Amino acid sequence: MTTILLPAPEPAPRPSLPRLPKGLSSAGSAPEAPARPLPGFHGAVSDFKRRLLEATLTQAGGNRTRAARALGLQRTYLLRLIREFEIRVPPPATPPRRGEAPAALP
């Protein structure tokens, strides 16, 4: 019987910390303004949801049905989220009626 020697497994890489800016050492002075505390998991998720909803509604021109479709949500659930996050949505632009001239841009 032959014994095969394998190399020792390498340790898993450790996540590295961000490097400090030039001119600042780890024992350096504290920053002038206190760092803003992190919002925590639920706060970060809420912030992300709000920004995503606002961006999608803007892209959809305020049309809630198109925004819901783009997000893969039911329109009623999107409306609930809009109320929950107190997002102000301008009414969607209505197309000009037949025979009317389009509204002038500001």
Protein backbone atom coordinates (compact mmCIF):
# COMPACT_ATOMS: atom_id res chain seq x y z
CA MET A 1 0.00 0.00 0.00
CA THR A 2 1.35 3.41 -0.99
CA THR A 3 0.72 6.50 1.11
CA ILE A 4 0.21 9.72 -0.79
CA LEU A 5 1.06 12.91 1.06
CA LEU A 6 -1.12 15.86 0.19
CA PRO A 7 -0.24 19.47 0.97
CA ALA A 8 -1.89 21.01 4.01
CA PRO A 9 -5.09 22.89 3.18
CA GLU A 10 -4.71 26.64 2.86
CA PRO A 11 -6.57 28.71 5.44
CA ALA A 12 -9.63 30.56 4.17
CA PRO A 13 -8.85 34.15 3.19
CA ARG A 14 -9.85 36.72 5.77
CA PRO A 15 -11.84 39.73 4.64
CA SER A 16 -9.61 42.77 4.45
CA LEU A 17 -10.47 46.07 6.03
CA PRO A 18 -10.50 49.19 3.90
CA ARG A 19 -7.21 51.05 3.82
CA LEU A 20 -6.89 54.32 5.65
CA PRO A 21 -6.47 57.48 3.58
CA LYS A 22 -2.91 58.76 3.11
CA GLY A 23 -1.65 60.75 6.06
CA LEU A 24 -3.88 59.00 8.59
CA SER A 25 -2.59 56.19 10.72
CA SER A 26 -4.60 53.75 12.77
CA ALA A 27 -3.46 55.62 15.88
CA GLY A 28 -4.23 58.98 14.23
CA SER A 29 -6.60 61.60 15.50
CA ALA A 30 -10.34 61.12 15.30
CA PRO A 31 -12.17 62.69 12.36
CA GLU A 32 -13.56 66.17 12.94
CA ALA A 33 -17.21 65.21 12.45
CA PRO A 34 -18.51 62.09 14.16
CA ALA A 35 -19.32 59.28 11.77
CA ARG A 36 -23.00 58.83 11.06
CA PRO A 37 -24.19 55.57 12.62
CA LEU A 38 -25.18 52.81 10.25
CA PRO A 39 -28.94 52.42 9.86
CA GLY A 40 -28.94 48.72 10.72
CA PHE A 41 -30.33 45.95 8.55
CA HIS A 42 -33.99 46.98 8.56
CA GLY A 43 -33.16 50.65 8.09
CA ALA A 44 -30.87 49.86 5.16
CA VAL A 45 -33.52 47.66 3.54
CA SER A 46 -36.14 50.39 3.99
CA ASP A 47 -33.82 53.00 2.46
CA PHE A 48 -33.15 50.70 -0.50
CA LYS A 49 -36.87 50.02 -1.05
CA ARG A 50 -37.70 53.73 -0.93
CA ARG A 51 -34.97 54.65 -3.43
CA LEU A 52 -35.96 51.79 -5.75
CA LEU A 53 -39.63 52.76 -5.68
CA GLU A 54 -38.87 56.44 -6.27
CA ALA A 55 -36.50 55.70 -9.16
CA THR A 56 -38.92 53.28 -10.80
CA LEU A 57 -41.86 55.65 -10.46
CA THR A 58 -39.78 58.46 -11.94
CA GLN A 59 -38.72 56.25 -14.84
CA ALA A 60 -42.37 55.27 -15.41
CA GLY A 61 -43.36 58.93 -15.52
CA GLY A 62 -45.51 58.55 -12.39
CA ASN A 63 -47.54 55.73 -13.95
CA ARG A 64 -48.09 53.34 -11.07
CA THR A 65 -49.24 50.45 -13.27
CA ARG A 66 -46.08 50.60 -15.39
CA ALA A 67 -43.91 50.93 -12.28
CA ALA A 68 -45.57 47.90 -10.66
CA ARG A 69 -45.09 45.89 -13.84
CA ALA A 70 -41.40 46.92 -14.05
CA LEU A 71 -40.86 45.83 -10.43
CA GLY A 72 -42.80 42.59 -10.83
CA LEU A 73 -45.33 43.65 -8.18
CA GLN A 74 -49.09 43.72 -8.04
CA ARG A 75 -50.32 47.29 -8.50
CA THR A 76 -52.19 47.17 -5.18
CA TYR A 77 -49.01 46.11 -3.34
CA LEU A 78 -47.09 48.96 -4.97
CA LEU A 79 -49.78 51.38 -3.80
CA ARG A 80 -49.47 49.99 -0.27
CA LEU A 81 -45.68 50.50 -0.36
CA ILE A 82 -46.15 54.06 -1.66
CA ARG A 83 -48.41 54.81 1.31
CA GLU A 84 -46.12 53.00 3.77
CA PHE A 85 -43.04 54.96 2.70
CA GLU A 86 -45.07 58.17 2.20
CA ILE A 87 -43.73 58.60 -1.32
CA ARG A 88 -45.16 61.58 -3.17
CA VAL A 89 -45.95 60.59 -6.73
CA PRO A 90 -47.01 63.24 -9.20
CA PRO A 91 -50.03 62.26 -11.28
CA PRO A 92 -49.05 60.63 -14.56
CA ALA A 93 -49.00 62.91 -17.56
CA THR A 94 -52.12 62.47 -19.62
CA PRO A 95 -51.72 62.34 -23.38
CA PRO A 96 -53.41 65.16 -25.30
CA ARG A 97 -56.91 64.40 -26.52
CA ARG A 98 -57.61 64.01 -30.18
CA GLY A 99 -57.62 67.42 -31.80
CA GLU A 100 -55.78 69.17 -28.92
CA ALA A 101 -52.28 70.55 -29.20
CA PRO A 102 -49.71 69.02 -26.82
CA ALA A 103 -48.96 71.07 -23.72
CA ALA A 104 -45.89 73.29 -23.95
CA LEU A 105 -42.89 72.24 -21.91
CA PRO A 106 -41.84 74.62 -19.10
